[in-house]
Protein backbone atom coordinates (compact mmCIF):
# COMPACT_ATOMS: atom_id res chain seq x y z
CA MET A 1 2.69 34.02 3.56
CA THR A 2 0.69 34.65 0.40
CA ALA A 3 3.45 33.45 -1.96
CA ASP A 4 2.17 29.87 -2.21
CA LEU A 5 -1.40 31.02 -2.69
CA GLU A 6 -0.44 33.47 -5.44
CA LYS A 7 1.78 30.88 -7.14
CA SER A 8 -1.05 28.36 -7.13
CA GLY A 9 -3.19 30.85 -9.02
CA GLU A 10 -0.73 32.16 -11.56
CA LYS A 11 -2.29 30.08 -14.34
CA SER A 12 -5.85 31.03 -13.50
CA GLY A 13 -8.05 33.33 -15.48
CA GLU A 14 -10.32 32.87 -18.46
CA ASN A 15 -10.31 29.07 -18.26
CA PHE A 16 -12.32 29.11 -15.02
CA GLY A 17 -15.66 27.47 -15.62
CA ASN A 18 -14.85 25.84 -18.94
CA LYS A 19 -17.16 22.82 -18.89
CA SER A 20 -14.83 20.81 -21.12
CA GLU A 21 -12.31 20.80 -18.29
CA GLY A 22 -12.68 19.90 -14.63
CA LYS A 23 -15.48 20.92 -12.33
CA LEU A 24 -16.24 22.16 -8.84
CA VAL A 25 -18.43 20.03 -6.58
CA VAL A 26 -19.81 21.57 -3.38
CA ILE A 27 -20.90 19.26 -0.55
CA THR A 28 -23.16 20.64 2.19
CA GLY A 29 -25.23 19.14 4.97
CA PRO A 30 -26.14 19.58 8.63
CA SER A 31 -23.76 18.64 11.44
CA GLY A 32 -24.06 14.96 12.32
CA VAL A 33 -25.40 13.88 8.94
CA GLY A 34 -22.25 11.84 8.24
CA LYS A 35 -20.57 13.98 5.58
CA GLY A 36 -17.11 13.15 6.90
CA THR A 37 -17.67 9.39 6.94
CA LEU A 38 -19.27 9.45 3.50
CA LEU A 39 -16.53 11.54 1.89
CA LYS A 40 -13.75 9.51 3.53
CA ALA A 41 -15.18 6.29 2.11
CA PHE A 42 -15.74 7.98 -1.26
CA LEU A 43 -12.15 9.22 -1.51
CA GLN A 44 -10.76 5.77 -0.69
CA ARG A 45 -12.32 4.21 -3.76
CA ASP A 46 -9.75 3.03 -6.31
CA ARG A 47 -11.60 4.64 -9.19
CA LEU A 48 -10.65 8.11 -7.99
CA ALA A 49 -7.28 7.82 -9.74
CA LYS A 50 -9.07 8.88 -12.94
CA PRO A 51 -10.13 11.64 -12.94
CA GLN A 52 -8.23 13.08 -10.01
CA ILE A 53 -10.16 14.46 -7.07
CA LEU A 54 -8.69 17.49 -5.33
CA LEU A 55 -9.81 18.59 -1.88
CA SER A 56 -9.93 22.37 -1.74
CA THR A 57 -7.59 24.01 0.81
CA SER A 58 -9.07 26.90 2.77
CA ALA A 59 -7.41 30.13 3.86
CA THR A 60 -7.63 31.40 7.42
CA THR A 61 -6.41 34.19 9.65
CA ARG A 62 -5.94 31.95 12.70
CA ASN A 63 -2.45 31.01 13.81
CA PRO A 64 -0.97 27.71 12.60
CA ARG A 65 -1.05 24.85 15.08
CA ASP A 66 1.95 22.61 15.74
CA GLY A 67 2.75 20.56 12.64
CA GLU A 68 0.50 22.51 10.29
CA VAL A 69 2.10 23.56 7.00
CA ASN A 70 1.11 26.63 5.02
CA GLY A 71 -0.62 25.50 1.83
CA LYS A 72 -1.39 22.02 3.14
CA GLU A 73 -3.85 22.24 6.03
CA TYR A 74 -4.61 25.90 5.33
CA TYR A 75 -3.26 28.99 3.62
CA PHE A 76 -2.37 31.10 6.66
CA LEU A 77 -2.93 34.82 6.06
CA SER A 78 -2.92 37.93 8.19
CA ARG A 79 -6.26 39.64 8.62
CA THR A 80 -5.04 42.51 6.41
CA GLU A 81 -4.04 40.10 3.64
CA PHE A 82 -7.35 38.24 3.93
CA GLU A 83 -9.40 41.44 3.77
CA GLN A 84 -7.43 42.63 0.72
CA LYS A 85 -8.28 39.38 -1.06
CA ILE A 86 -11.94 39.82 -0.16
CA GLU A 87 -11.85 43.26 -1.77
CA SER A 88 -10.17 41.90 -4.91
CA GLY A 89 -12.68 39.04 -5.23
CA ASP A 90 -10.14 36.27 -4.65
CA PHE A 91 -12.47 34.06 -2.60
CA LEU A 92 -15.23 31.76 -3.80
CA GLU A 93 -16.74 32.10 -0.33
CA TRP A 94 -15.69 33.31 3.09
CA ALA A 95 -17.04 33.69 6.62
CA GLU A 96 -15.94 34.58 10.14
CA TYR A 97 -15.98 32.03 12.96
CA ALA A 98 -14.83 32.61 16.54
CA GLY A 99 -13.00 35.79 15.59
CA ASN A 100 -11.08 34.25 12.67
CA LEU A 101 -11.74 34.55 8.95
CA TYR A 102 -12.02 31.42 6.78
CA GLY A 103 -12.47 31.24 3.02
CA THR A 104 -11.96 29.25 -0.16
CA PRO A 105 -9.30 30.85 -2.41
CA LYS A 106 -10.40 31.05 -6.03
CA PRO A 107 -6.97 30.82 -7.82
CA PRO A 108 -6.06 27.23 -6.77
CA VAL A 109 -9.54 26.06 -7.76
CA GLU A 110 -9.18 27.76 -11.15
CA VAL A 111 -5.88 26.03 -11.80
CA ALA A 112 -7.19 22.60 -10.79
CA ILE A 113 -10.29 22.92 -12.98
CA ALA A 114 -8.14 24.06 -15.93
CA GLU A 115 -6.05 20.89 -15.43
CA GLY A 116 -9.16 18.73 -15.69
CA LYS A 117 -9.46 17.89 -12.00
CA ILE A 118 -12.62 17.65 -9.92
CA VAL A 119 -12.39 20.02 -6.98
CA LEU A 120 -14.31 18.89 -3.90
CA LEU A 121 -15.41 21.62 -1.50
CA GLU A 122 -17.14 20.72 1.78
CA ILE A 123 -18.66 23.86 3.31
CA GLU A 124 -21.63 25.14 5.31
CA LEU A 125 -24.89 26.41 3.83
CA ALA A 126 -23.85 30.08 3.89
CA GLY A 127 -20.67 29.29 1.97
CA ALA A 128 -22.55 27.16 -0.56
CA ARG A 129 -24.88 30.04 -1.24
CA GLN A 130 -21.92 32.33 -1.84
CA VAL A 131 -20.41 29.82 -4.29
CA ALA A 132 -23.72 29.73 -6.16
CA LYS A 133 -23.17 33.44 -6.86
CA THR A 134 -19.41 33.47 -7.45
CA TYR A 135 -19.34 30.29 -9.57
CA SER A 136 -22.77 29.28 -10.81
CA GLN A 137 -21.39 26.29 -12.76
CA ALA A 138 -20.55 24.45 -9.54
CA GLN A 139 -22.41 21.21 -8.92
CA ARG A 140 -23.98 21.50 -5.47
CA ILE A 141 -24.91 18.39 -3.48
CA PHE A 142 -26.81 18.35 -0.19
CA ILE A 143 -26.34 15.42 2.21
CA ALA A 144 -29.52 14.91 4.24
CA PRO A 145 -30.41 12.60 7.15
CA PRO A 146 -33.30 10.14 6.86
CA SER A 147 -35.13 12.25 9.46
CA VAL A 148 -34.54 14.83 12.17
CA GLU A 149 -34.99 12.07 14.76
CA VAL A 150 -32.17 10.03 13.22
CA LEU A 151 -29.98 13.13 13.11
CA LYS A 152 -30.62 13.77 16.82
CA GLU A 153 -29.72 10.15 17.59
CA ARG A 154 -26.44 10.44 15.65
CA LEU A 155 -25.50 13.67 17.41
CA SER A 156 -26.23 12.10 20.80
CA LYS A 157 -24.12 9.01 20.00
CA ARG A 158 -21.11 11.22 19.32
CA GLY A 159 -20.87 11.91 23.02
CA THR A 160 -19.04 15.20 22.39
CA ASP A 161 -21.87 17.72 22.81
CA SER A 162 -24.09 18.72 25.71
CA GLU A 163 -27.86 18.56 25.39
CA GLU A 164 -27.88 22.34 24.91
CA ALA A 165 -25.30 22.13 22.11
CA ILE A 166 -27.25 19.34 20.42
CA ALA A 167 -30.42 21.43 20.57
CA LYS A 168 -28.61 24.34 18.87
CA ARG A 169 -27.25 22.03 16.18
CA LEU A 170 -30.75 20.68 15.52
CA GLN A 171 -32.15 24.20 15.22
CA GLN A 172 -29.46 24.99 12.64
CA ALA A 173 -30.15 21.66 10.91
CA GLU A 174 -33.80 22.59 10.42
CA ILE A 175 -32.71 25.81 8.68
CA GLU A 176 -30.31 23.85 6.46
CA LEU A 177 -32.83 21.12 5.65
CA ALA A 178 -35.34 23.76 4.59
CA ALA A 179 -32.80 24.95 2.00
CA GLN A 180 -32.06 21.58 0.41
CA ASN A 181 -34.21 22.37 -2.62
CA GLU A 182 -31.64 25.01 -3.57
CA PHE A 183 -29.19 22.23 -4.45
CA ASP A 184 -28.74 20.27 -7.67
CA LEU A 185 -28.90 16.92 -5.88
CA VAL A 186 -30.02 15.68 -2.46
CA ILE A 187 -28.50 12.43 -1.17
CA VAL A 188 -30.13 10.87 1.89
CA ASN A 189 -27.40 9.30 4.01
CA ASP A 190 -29.37 6.39 5.41
CA ASN A 191 -27.40 3.48 3.98
CA LEU A 192 -23.69 4.25 3.47
CA GLU A 193 -23.22 2.04 0.41
CA ILE A 194 -26.29 3.42 -1.36
CA ALA A 195 -25.23 6.99 -0.56
CA LEU A 196 -21.75 6.21 -1.93
CA GLN A 197 -23.21 4.89 -5.17
CA GLU A 198 -25.35 8.00 -5.59
CA LEU A 199 -22.34 10.23 -4.92
CA GLU A 200 -20.26 8.33 -7.48
CA VAL A 201 -22.96 8.71 -10.11
CA ALA A 202 -23.06 12.45 -9.38
CA PHE A 203 -19.30 12.71 -9.85
CA PHE A 204 -18.64 10.32 -12.71
CA GLY A 205 -21.96 9.67 -14.44
CA LYS A 206 -24.31 6.70 -14.65
CA ASP A 207 -21.85 4.37 -16.38
CA SER A 208 -19.20 4.58 -13.67
CA ASP A 209 -21.04 2.34 -11.23
CA LYS A 210 -21.59 -0.38 -13.84
CA GLU A 211 -17.98 -0.16 -14.95
CA GLN A 212 -16.71 -0.36 -11.40
CA SER A 213 -19.01 -3.28 -10.58
CA ALA A 214 -17.71 -5.19 -13.60
CA SER A 215 -14.14 -4.30 -12.70
CA ASP A 216 -14.64 -5.36 -9.09
CA SER A 217 -16.22 -8.63 -10.17
CA ASN A 218 -13.35 -9.44 -12.52
CA GLN A 219 -10.78 -8.49 -9.89
CA ASN A 220 -12.48 -10.53 -7.17
CA LEU A 221 -12.73 -13.52 -9.48
CA GLY A 222 -9.03 -13.23 -10.28
CA VAL A 223 -8.10 -13.02 -6.59
CA ALA A 224 -10.34 -15.95 -5.71
CA ILE A 225 -8.76 -18.08 -8.45
CA THR A 226 -5.31 -17.01 -7.29
CA ALA A 227 -6.09 -18.07 -3.72
CA PHE A 228 -7.54 -21.35 -5.00
CA ILE A 229 -4.39 -22.17 -6.95
CA ALA A 230 -2.20 -21.06 -4.06
CA VAL A 231 -3.77 -23.44 -1.57
CA PHE A 232 -4.00 -26.20 -4.16
CA LEU A 233 -0.27 -25.93 -4.81
CA ALA A 234 0.44 -25.89 -1.08
CA GLU A 235 -1.54 -29.09 -0.68
CA ILE A 236 0.58 -30.85 -3.26
CA GLY A 237 3.77 -29.44 -1.80
CA ASP A 238 4.84 -26.48 -3.98
CA LYS A 239 5.57 -23.91 -1.21
CA THR A 240 7.61 -21.54 -3.42
CA GLN A 241 4.76 -20.86 -5.80
CA LEU A 242 2.40 -20.54 -2.82
CA ALA A 243 4.49 -17.70 -1.38
CA THR A 244 4.54 -15.93 -4.75
CA LEU A 245 0.77 -16.11 -5.05
CA ILE A 246 0.19 -14.90 -1.50
CA LEU A 247 2.38 -11.85 -2.15
CA ALA A 248 0.42 -11.12 -5.32
CA ALA A 249 -2.90 -11.27 -3.49
CA GLU A 250 -1.98 -9.66 -0.16
CA SER A 251 -3.35 -6.22 -1.11
CA GLN A 252 -6.68 -7.59 -2.26
CA SER A 253 -9.90 -8.39 -0.41
CA ALA A 254 -9.23 -10.68 2.54
CA LEU A 255 -12.73 -12.14 2.27
CA THR A 256 -12.26 -12.99 -1.41
CA VAL A 257 -8.90 -14.64 -0.71
CA PHE A 258 -10.45 -16.59 2.15
CA LEU A 259 -13.31 -17.85 -0.03
CA GLY A 260 -10.93 -18.93 -2.77
CA ALA A 261 -8.69 -20.69 -0.27
CA ALA A 262 -11.65 -22.41 1.39
CA ILE A 263 -12.89 -23.74 -1.94
CA ALA A 264 -9.37 -24.95 -2.71
CA LEU A 265 -9.13 -26.80 0.62
CA ILE A 266 -12.47 -28.49 0.00
CA THR A 267 -11.42 -29.41 -3.53
CA THR A 268 -8.04 -30.82 -2.54
CA SER A 269 -9.62 -32.77 0.32
CA PHE A 270 -12.11 -34.25 -2.13
CA LEU A 271 -9.37 -35.16 -4.58
CA SER A 272 -7.31 -36.67 -1.81
CA VAL A 273 -10.12 -38.89 -0.59
CA VAL A 274 -11.95 -39.75 -3.80
CA ALA A 275 -9.33 -39.59 -6.55
CA GLY A 276 -6.00 -39.74 -4.72
CA LYS A 277 -5.37 -43.45 -5.26
CA TRP A 278 -6.50 -43.28 -8.87
CA LEU A 279 -4.17 -40.35 -9.66
CA GLY A 280 -1.31 -41.89 -7.73
CA LYS A 281 -1.44 -45.03 -9.82
CA ARG A 282 -1.44 -43.23 -13.14
CA PHE A 283 0.68 -40.07 -12.59
CA SER A 284 3.97 -39.49 -10.83
CA PRO A 285 4.32 -36.67 -8.24
CA GLN A 286 6.74 -34.91 -10.59
CA LEU A 287 4.14 -34.84 -13.36
CA LEU A 288 1.48 -33.47 -10.99
CA ASN A 289 3.86 -30.72 -9.88
CA THR A 290 4.64 -29.84 -13.49
CA LEU A 291 0.93 -29.67 -14.32
CA ALA A 292 0.31 -27.39 -11.34
CA GLY A 293 3.21 -25.17 -12.42
CA CYS A 294 1.72 -24.83 -15.91
CA ILE A 295 -1.65 -23.87 -14.41
CA PHE A 296 0.09 -21.29 -12.23
CA LEU A 297 1.98 -19.84 -15.21
CA LEU A 298 -1.12 -19.57 -17.41
CA LEU A 299 -3.08 -17.94 -14.61
CA SER A 300 -0.31 -15.44 -13.90
CA LEU A 301 -0.01 -14.50 -17.57
CA SER A 302 -3.77 -14.04 -17.94
CA LEU A 303 -3.97 -11.81 -14.84
CA LEU A 304 -0.95 -9.81 -16.02
CA TRP A 305 -2.49 -9.34 -19.47
CA GLU A 306 -5.79 -8.19 -17.93
CA ALA A 307 -3.92 -5.69 -15.74
CA ILE A 308 -2.00 -4.28 -18.73
CA ILE A 309 -5.01 -3.79 -21.00
């Protein structure tokens, strides 16, 4: 069962911790603070294609559940194998929960960092403290609630814990919150979008947010123009080009497409009422369709060129 784990670490060694390569980012925070929601939203951002983010896979001595694959959900080890790896220093951190051992294998993290990837490790406070000793170069981020009262409210809204369980979680949270100064960065998860922006800056630097904002603005403008032209063409009867434009925009923001389409409907209605007779007297329907086709072609080429560069 250790074959995949050993294979994943066969390239590891002296490159671990080379700051010119990838890096290890440790995320910690009390239960109920919203780490899962924050990280899920963060990992769905398009910008994560470059550089690549890798979620660390833990090792455990518990038995696999139905559908779980060794090396995907966990590296499944026997207790003897796990304890041997502890002795040989093959874990960044490890702990025992409910009679089973859990830990973060060092070799796969070494390989990923050597390949220039950012390894994301979400663990508890005790594990984060261990990582601080085993790999001091790790960037450690603490996710904090706006207040203990807000944290209690979030835990209660879950509806999964008894009052006694919530009280225990809050006691543990106070211990964890008292340790937040041990971390390189504290992000208060009060507003999801603001917390996301702070997390992105921590991962990619200060310029990433500006670059993404500019990219998003350009992309949204392109989609809005596409929707505008699509509806405009539909109004003058060119259904084929409408279908092509809808297919091109279907994966983009629905709100942006809607706004572009709404503006187009208003514009075409205005042209129909105010300038329809004037245009009809001076231009044939064939000429109007040709003009619309040229606009569509130029727009498509400009969007294609922007995507290529």
